[in-house]
Amino acid sequence: MSDSEHGSVAAVEQEEVTDLASAVRRVCKNSLAVDGLARGLHECAKVIEAGKAQFVFLSESCDEPAYKKLVKAMCAEKQVPLYDVPDSKLLGEWAGLCKIDQDGKARKVVGASCVVVFDHGDESDGLSWLRNNSS
């Protein structure tokens, strides 16, 4: 492959960050690469309490009010930015809770109600978007 072919592949991989979904996807991808994500209530609570959390993503489709109330209260106490993500399955896919088949499609996606970023990895457009549009 020539250098120009490599450049076009990289350009396709790096989608433009224009909304919350694309920003969360990019930040989760970079965090996953450096093992900087906590998934699930127990892991997330430990990271938030330790003061290491940088961003918290909470699924709006979580149907347990006490769960949401706990995460929101912990974020408020530690002053951690909290973002509501519409769907647990999407959040789970972005957090790596799935198998990727040979076509690059996510299979066997496990939903995630809460994901915490404690190491965002590389600086990215998604990170800038989240910092500029904090809730």
N, C-alpha and C. Protein backbone atom coordinates (compact mmCIF):
# COMPACT_ATOMS: atom_id res chain seq x y z
N MET A 1 0.83 -1.19 0.00
CA MET A 1 0.00 0.00 0.00
C MET A 1 0.87 1.25 0.00
N SER A 2 0.46 2.25 -0.70
CA SER A 2 1.22 3.49 -0.74
C SER A 2 0.80 4.38 0.42
N ASP A 3 1.55 5.46 0.65
CA ASP A 3 1.23 6.38 1.74
C ASP A 3 -0.13 7.04 1.54
N SER A 4 -0.49 7.32 0.30
CA SER A 4 -1.77 7.98 0.05
C SER A 4 -2.93 7.06 0.42
N GLU A 5 -2.76 5.75 0.26
CA GLU A 5 -3.82 4.81 0.64
C GLU A 5 -3.96 4.77 2.15
N HIS A 6 -2.84 4.79 2.88
CA HIS A 6 -2.91 4.81 4.34
C HIS A 6 -3.62 6.07 4.84
N GLY A 7 -3.33 7.20 4.22
CA GLY A 7 -3.94 8.46 4.63
C GLY A 7 -5.45 8.44 4.49
N SER A 8 -5.95 7.83 3.42
CA SER A 8 -7.39 7.79 3.21
C SER A 8 -8.08 6.88 4.23
N VAL A 9 -7.39 5.80 4.63
CA VAL A 9 -7.96 4.90 5.65
C VAL A 9 -8.09 5.64 6.98
N ALA A 10 -7.06 6.39 7.36
CA ALA A 10 -7.09 7.14 8.61
C ALA A 10 -8.18 8.20 8.58
N ALA A 11 -8.37 8.83 7.44
CA ALA A 11 -9.39 9.87 7.32
C ALA A 11 -10.79 9.27 7.49
N VAL A 12 -11.00 8.06 6.99
CA VAL A 12 -12.30 7.42 7.13
C VAL A 12 -12.55 7.03 8.58
N GLU A 13 -11.52 6.53 9.27
CA GLU A 13 -11.66 6.11 10.67
C GLU A 13 -12.00 7.27 11.59
N GLN A 14 -11.40 8.43 11.38
CA GLN A 14 -11.60 9.58 12.25
C GLN A 14 -12.80 10.40 11.77
N GLU A 15 -13.98 10.04 12.24
CA GLU A 15 -15.17 10.77 11.84
C GLU A 15 -15.19 12.14 12.52
N GLU A 16 -15.93 13.05 11.96
CA GLU A 16 -16.02 14.40 12.50
C GLU A 16 -16.89 14.38 13.76
N VAL A 17 -16.46 15.10 14.78
CA VAL A 17 -17.20 15.18 16.03
C VAL A 17 -18.14 16.38 15.96
N THR A 18 -19.44 16.10 15.89
CA THR A 18 -20.41 17.17 15.74
C THR A 18 -21.48 17.16 16.82
N ASP A 19 -21.59 16.06 17.56
CA ASP A 19 -22.64 15.96 18.58
C ASP A 19 -22.15 15.10 19.74
N LEU A 20 -23.00 14.95 20.75
CA LEU A 20 -22.64 14.19 21.95
C LEU A 20 -22.27 12.75 21.61
N ALA A 21 -23.05 12.10 20.76
CA ALA A 21 -22.80 10.69 20.44
C ALA A 21 -21.41 10.49 19.83
N SER A 22 -21.05 11.32 18.86
CA SER A 22 -19.74 11.15 18.22
C SER A 22 -18.61 11.49 19.18
N ALA A 23 -18.83 12.47 20.06
CA ALA A 23 -17.81 12.83 21.05
C ALA A 23 -17.61 11.70 22.06
N VAL A 24 -18.69 11.12 22.55
CA VAL A 24 -18.61 10.02 23.51
C VAL A 24 -17.93 8.82 22.87
N ARG A 25 -18.32 8.52 21.63
CA ARG A 25 -17.72 7.39 20.91
C ARG A 25 -16.20 7.57 20.79
N ARG A 26 -15.76 8.77 20.41
CA ARG A 26 -14.33 9.03 20.23
C ARG A 26 -13.57 8.94 21.55
N VAL A 27 -14.11 9.56 22.61
CA VAL A 27 -13.44 9.55 23.91
C VAL A 27 -13.39 8.12 24.47
N CYS A 28 -14.47 7.36 24.33
CA CYS A 28 -14.48 5.97 24.81
C CYS A 28 -13.47 5.13 24.05
N LYS A 29 -13.38 5.33 22.75
CA LYS A 29 -12.43 4.57 21.93
C LYS A 29 -10.99 4.84 22.39
N ASN A 30 -10.65 6.12 22.59
CA ASN A 30 -9.30 6.47 23.04
C ASN A 30 -9.03 5.96 24.45
N SER A 31 -10.03 6.04 25.33
CA SER A 31 -9.88 5.59 26.72
C SER A 31 -9.71 4.08 26.79
N LEU A 32 -10.45 3.38 25.95
CA LEU A 32 -10.37 1.92 25.90
C LEU A 32 -8.98 1.48 25.48
N ALA A 33 -8.37 2.23 24.58
CA ALA A 33 -7.02 1.90 24.09
C ALA A 33 -5.97 1.99 25.20
N VAL A 34 -6.19 2.85 26.19
CA VAL A 34 -5.22 3.00 27.28
C VAL A 34 -5.76 2.42 28.60
N ASP A 35 -6.81 1.61 28.50
CA ASP A 35 -7.43 0.97 29.67
C ASP A 35 -7.88 2.01 30.69
N GLY A 36 -8.56 3.04 30.21
CA GLY A 36 -8.99 4.13 31.08
C GLY A 36 -10.48 4.24 31.27
N LEU A 37 -11.21 3.11 31.14
CA LEU A 37 -12.67 3.12 31.31
C LEU A 37 -13.08 2.24 32.47
N ALA A 38 -14.06 2.70 33.23
CA ALA A 38 -14.71 1.87 34.25
C ALA A 38 -16.14 1.68 33.79
N ARG A 39 -16.64 0.43 33.87
CA ARG A 39 -17.98 0.12 33.39
C ARG A 39 -18.74 -0.60 34.49
N GLY A 40 -20.00 -0.22 34.66
CA GLY A 40 -20.83 -0.83 35.70
C GLY A 40 -20.80 -0.01 36.97
N LEU A 41 -21.83 -0.15 37.77
CA LEU A 41 -22.00 0.69 38.97
C LEU A 41 -20.86 0.53 39.97
N HIS A 42 -20.46 -0.70 40.26
CA HIS A 42 -19.43 -0.92 41.28
C HIS A 42 -18.10 -0.28 40.89
N GLU A 43 -17.63 -0.57 39.68
CA GLU A 43 -16.37 0.02 39.20
C GLU A 43 -16.46 1.53 39.13
N CYS A 44 -17.55 2.04 38.57
CA CYS A 44 -17.73 3.48 38.41
C CYS A 44 -17.76 4.20 39.75
N ALA A 45 -18.47 3.63 40.72
CA ALA A 45 -18.55 4.25 42.04
C ALA A 45 -17.17 4.35 42.68
N LYS A 46 -16.35 3.31 42.54
CA LYS A 46 -15.01 3.34 43.11
C LYS A 46 -14.16 4.45 42.48
N VAL A 47 -14.23 4.58 41.16
CA VAL A 47 -13.43 5.59 40.47
C VAL A 47 -13.89 7.01 40.82
N ILE A 48 -15.21 7.22 40.86
CA ILE A 48 -15.75 8.55 41.20
C ILE A 48 -15.36 8.91 42.63
N GLU A 49 -15.55 7.99 43.57
CA GLU A 49 -15.21 8.24 44.98
C GLU A 49 -13.73 8.55 45.18
N ALA A 50 -12.88 7.89 44.38
CA ALA A 50 -11.43 8.11 44.50
C ALA A 50 -11.02 9.46 43.91
N GLY A 51 -11.95 10.15 43.24
CA GLY A 51 -11.65 11.45 42.65
C GLY A 51 -10.87 11.36 41.35
N LYS A 52 -10.87 10.19 40.71
CA LYS A 52 -10.11 9.99 39.47
C LYS A 52 -10.95 10.21 38.21
N ALA A 53 -12.27 10.29 38.37
CA ALA A 53 -13.17 10.38 37.20
C ALA A 53 -12.99 11.72 36.47
N GLN A 54 -12.93 11.66 35.14
CA GLN A 54 -12.85 12.86 34.31
C GLN A 54 -14.19 13.17 33.67
N PHE A 55 -14.89 12.11 33.22
CA PHE A 55 -16.22 12.23 32.62
C PHE A 55 -17.04 11.02 33.03
N VAL A 56 -18.35 11.23 33.19
CA VAL A 56 -19.26 10.13 33.48
C VAL A 56 -20.37 10.15 32.43
N PHE A 57 -20.63 8.98 31.85
CA PHE A 57 -21.71 8.82 30.88
C PHE A 57 -22.77 7.92 31.50
N LEU A 58 -23.99 8.43 31.62
CA LEU A 58 -25.10 7.70 32.23
C LEU A 58 -26.19 7.48 31.20
N SER A 59 -26.66 6.25 31.09
CA SER A 59 -27.68 5.92 30.11
C SER A 59 -29.06 6.41 30.56
N GLU A 60 -29.75 7.08 29.65
CA GLU A 60 -31.12 7.53 29.93
C GLU A 60 -32.08 6.35 29.97
N SER A 61 -31.72 5.23 29.32
CA SER A 61 -32.62 4.09 29.28
C SER A 61 -32.47 3.18 30.51
N CYS A 62 -31.66 3.58 31.46
CA CYS A 62 -31.55 2.85 32.73
C CYS A 62 -32.87 3.01 33.47
N ASP A 63 -33.51 1.88 33.80
CA ASP A 63 -34.84 1.96 34.40
C ASP A 63 -34.83 1.83 35.93
N GLU A 64 -33.67 1.98 36.53
CA GLU A 64 -33.56 1.90 38.00
C GLU A 64 -33.30 3.31 38.55
N PRO A 65 -34.33 3.98 39.09
CA PRO A 65 -34.17 5.37 39.55
C PRO A 65 -33.10 5.53 40.64
N ALA A 66 -32.96 4.56 41.53
CA ALA A 66 -31.96 4.66 42.60
C ALA A 66 -30.54 4.66 42.02
N TYR A 67 -30.33 3.90 40.98
CA TYR A 67 -29.03 3.81 40.29
C TYR A 67 -28.65 5.19 39.73
N LYS A 68 -29.60 5.79 38.99
CA LYS A 68 -29.35 7.10 38.39
C LYS A 68 -29.14 8.16 39.47
N LYS A 69 -29.93 8.10 40.51
CA LYS A 69 -29.84 9.08 41.59
C LYS A 69 -28.47 9.01 42.28
N LEU A 70 -27.97 7.78 42.52
CA LEU A 70 -26.67 7.58 43.15
C LEU A 70 -25.55 8.16 42.28
N VAL A 71 -25.56 7.83 41.00
CA VAL A 71 -24.50 8.30 40.10
C VAL A 71 -24.52 9.83 40.00
N LYS A 72 -25.73 10.40 39.85
CA LYS A 72 -25.84 11.86 39.76
C LYS A 72 -25.36 12.55 41.04
N ALA A 73 -25.70 11.98 42.19
CA ALA A 73 -25.27 12.57 43.47
C ALA A 73 -23.75 12.50 43.63
N MET A 74 -23.16 11.37 43.26
CA MET A 74 -21.71 11.22 43.37
C MET A 74 -20.99 12.21 42.44
N CYS A 75 -21.53 12.40 41.24
CA CYS A 75 -20.93 13.34 40.29
C CYS A 75 -21.04 14.78 40.81
N ALA A 76 -22.17 15.10 41.39
CA ALA A 76 -22.36 16.45 41.93
C ALA A 76 -21.40 16.69 43.10
N GLU A 77 -21.25 15.69 43.97
CA GLU A 77 -20.36 15.81 45.13
C GLU A 77 -18.90 16.01 44.71
N LYS A 78 -18.46 15.26 43.71
CA LYS A 78 -17.06 15.32 43.26
C LYS A 78 -16.85 16.31 42.11
N GLN A 79 -17.92 16.98 41.69
CA GLN A 79 -17.89 17.96 40.60
C GLN A 79 -17.30 17.37 39.31
N VAL A 80 -17.85 16.22 38.92
CA VAL A 80 -17.43 15.52 37.70
C VAL A 80 -18.50 15.77 36.63
N PRO A 81 -18.10 16.14 35.41
CA PRO A 81 -19.09 16.35 34.35
C PRO A 81 -19.85 15.06 34.04
N LEU A 82 -21.18 15.17 34.00
CA LEU A 82 -22.06 14.02 33.75
C LEU A 82 -22.81 14.26 32.44
N TYR A 83 -22.79 13.25 31.57
CA TYR A 83 -23.48 13.34 30.28
C TYR A 83 -24.49 12.23 30.18
N ASP A 84 -25.71 12.57 29.75
CA ASP A 84 -26.76 11.58 29.54
C ASP A 84 -26.67 11.06 28.11
N VAL A 85 -26.56 9.74 27.98
CA VAL A 85 -26.49 9.07 26.67
C VAL A 85 -27.81 8.34 26.48
N PRO A 86 -28.43 8.45 25.29
CA PRO A 86 -29.78 7.92 25.10
C PRO A 86 -29.96 6.41 25.29
N ASP A 87 -28.98 5.59 24.93
CA ASP A 87 -29.23 4.15 24.89
C ASP A 87 -28.12 3.34 25.56
N SER A 88 -28.50 2.39 26.41
CA SER A 88 -27.55 1.52 27.12
C SER A 88 -26.74 0.64 26.17
N LYS A 89 -27.40 0.12 25.13
CA LYS A 89 -26.70 -0.76 24.18
C LYS A 89 -25.62 0.01 23.43
N LEU A 90 -25.93 1.24 23.00
CA LEU A 90 -24.93 2.05 22.32
C LEU A 90 -23.76 2.36 23.24
N LEU A 91 -24.07 2.73 24.48
CA LEU A 91 -23.02 3.04 25.46
C LEU A 91 -22.15 1.81 25.71
N GLY A 92 -22.77 0.64 25.80
CA GLY A 92 -22.03 -0.60 25.98
C GLY A 92 -21.12 -0.90 24.80
N GLU A 93 -21.63 -0.65 23.59
CA GLU A 93 -20.82 -0.87 22.38
C GLU A 93 -19.62 0.06 22.37
N TRP A 94 -19.84 1.34 22.68
CA TRP A 94 -18.74 2.32 22.68
C TRP A 94 -17.72 2.00 23.76
N ALA A 95 -18.18 1.39 24.87
CA ALA A 95 -17.28 1.06 25.98
C ALA A 95 -16.59 -0.29 25.80
N GLY A 96 -16.83 -0.93 24.66
CA GLY A 96 -16.15 -2.19 24.36
C GLY A 96 -16.81 -3.43 24.92
N LEU A 97 -18.06 -3.33 25.32
CA LEU A 97 -18.78 -4.48 25.87
C LEU A 97 -19.49 -5.25 24.76
N CYS A 98 -18.72 -5.70 23.77
CA CYS A 98 -19.29 -6.42 22.65
C CYS A 98 -18.18 -7.19 21.94
N LYS A 99 -18.61 -8.05 21.04
CA LYS A 99 -17.68 -8.76 20.15
C LYS A 99 -17.76 -8.08 18.78
N ILE A 100 -16.62 -7.92 18.12
CA ILE A 100 -16.60 -7.34 16.79
C ILE A 100 -16.37 -8.47 15.79
N ASP A 101 -17.30 -8.63 14.83
CA ASP A 101 -17.14 -9.71 13.85
C ASP A 101 -16.14 -9.30 12.77
N GLN A 102 -15.88 -10.21 11.83
CA GLN A 102 -14.86 -9.95 10.81
C GLN A 102 -15.23 -8.82 9.86
N ASP A 103 -16.50 -8.44 9.81
CA ASP A 103 -16.93 -7.31 8.98
C ASP A 103 -16.83 -5.98 9.72
N GLY A 104 -16.43 -6.02 11.00
CA GLY A 104 -16.31 -4.80 11.79
C GLY A 104 -17.60 -4.37 12.47
N LYS A 105 -18.60 -5.25 12.45
CA LYS A 105 -19.89 -4.95 13.08
C LYS A 105 -19.91 -5.48 14.51
N ALA A 106 -20.56 -4.74 15.41
CA ALA A 106 -20.65 -5.16 16.80
C ALA A 106 -21.70 -6.26 16.94
N ARG A 107 -21.35 -7.32 17.64
CA ARG A 107 -22.26 -8.44 17.91
C ARG A 107 -22.26 -8.70 19.41
N LYS A 108 -23.34 -9.29 19.90
CA LYS A 108 -23.46 -9.63 21.32
C LYS A 108 -23.17 -8.43 22.22
N VAL A 109 -23.82 -7.30 21.93
CA VAL A 109 -23.59 -6.08 22.68
C VAL A 109 -24.26 -6.18 24.05
N VAL A 110 -23.51 -5.88 25.08
CA VAL A 110 -24.03 -5.84 26.45
C VAL A 110 -24.26 -4.38 26.79
N GLY A 111 -25.44 -4.06 27.28
CA GLY A 111 -25.75 -2.69 27.64
C GLY A 111 -24.96 -2.22 28.86
N ALA A 112 -24.65 -0.94 28.89
CA ALA A 112 -23.96 -0.34 30.04
C ALA A 112 -24.79 0.85 30.51
N SER A 113 -25.13 0.86 31.79
CA SER A 113 -25.89 1.99 32.32
C SER A 113 -24.99 3.14 32.72
N CYS A 114 -23.74 2.83 33.06
CA CYS A 114 -22.81 3.86 33.50
C CYS A 114 -21.40 3.52 33.03
N VAL A 115 -20.71 4.52 32.48
CA VAL A 115 -19.32 4.37 32.07
C VAL A 115 -18.57 5.61 32.56
N VAL A 116 -17.41 5.39 33.16
CA VAL A 116 -16.59 6.49 33.67
C VAL A 116 -15.24 6.49 32.96
N VAL A 117 -14.84 7.66 32.48
CA VAL A 117 -13.52 7.83 31.88
C VAL A 117 -12.59 8.37 32.96
N PHE A 118 -11.53 7.60 33.27
CA PHE A 118 -10.54 8.10 34.23
C PHE A 118 -9.18 8.33 33.59
N ASP A 119 -9.00 7.88 32.35
CA ASP A 119 -7.80 8.19 31.57
C ASP A 119 -8.25 8.32 30.13
N HIS A 120 -8.28 9.55 29.61
CA HIS A 120 -8.84 9.78 28.27
C HIS A 120 -7.87 9.49 27.14
N GLY A 121 -6.65 9.12 27.45
CA GLY A 121 -5.69 8.79 26.38
C GLY A 121 -5.30 10.04 25.62
N ASP A 122 -5.23 9.93 24.30
CA ASP A 122 -4.81 11.04 23.44
C ASP A 122 -5.84 12.17 23.45
N GLU A 123 -5.35 13.40 23.26
CA GLU A 123 -6.24 14.53 23.06
C GLU A 123 -6.99 14.30 21.75
N SER A 124 -8.27 14.63 21.70
CA SER A 124 -9.04 14.40 20.49
C SER A 124 -10.12 15.46 20.34
N ASP A 125 -10.75 15.48 19.16
CA ASP A 125 -11.86 16.40 18.92
C ASP A 125 -13.01 16.11 19.88
N GLY A 126 -13.21 14.82 20.16
CA GLY A 126 -14.28 14.43 21.08
C GLY A 126 -14.06 14.98 22.48
N LEU A 127 -12.83 14.95 22.93
CA LEU A 127 -12.48 15.48 24.25
C LEU A 127 -12.73 16.99 24.30
N SER A 128 -12.31 17.68 23.25
CA SER A 128 -12.54 19.13 23.17
C SER A 128 -14.03 19.44 23.17
N TRP A 129 -14.79 18.64 22.40
CA TRP A 129 -16.24 18.87 22.33
C TRP A 129 -16.87 18.71 23.70
N LEU A 130 -16.50 17.65 24.44
CA LEU A 130 -17.07 17.42 25.77
C LEU A 130 -16.70 18.55 26.73
N ARG A 131 -15.46 19.01 26.68
CA ARG A 131 -15.02 20.09 27.57
C ARG A 131 -15.77 21.39 27.27
N ASN A 132 -16.02 21.67 25.99
CA ASN A 132 -16.69 22.91 25.59
C ASN A 132 -18.20 22.86 25.78
N ASN A 133 -18.77 21.66 25.86
CA ASN A 133 -20.22 21.50 25.96
C ASN A 133 -20.60 20.77 27.24
N SER A 134 -19.91 21.06 28.32
CA SER A 134 -20.20 20.34 29.58
C SER A 134 -21.56 20.75 30.11
N SER A 135 -22.19 19.76 30.75
CA SER A 135 -23.56 19.98 31.23
C SER A 135 -23.58 20.66 32.57
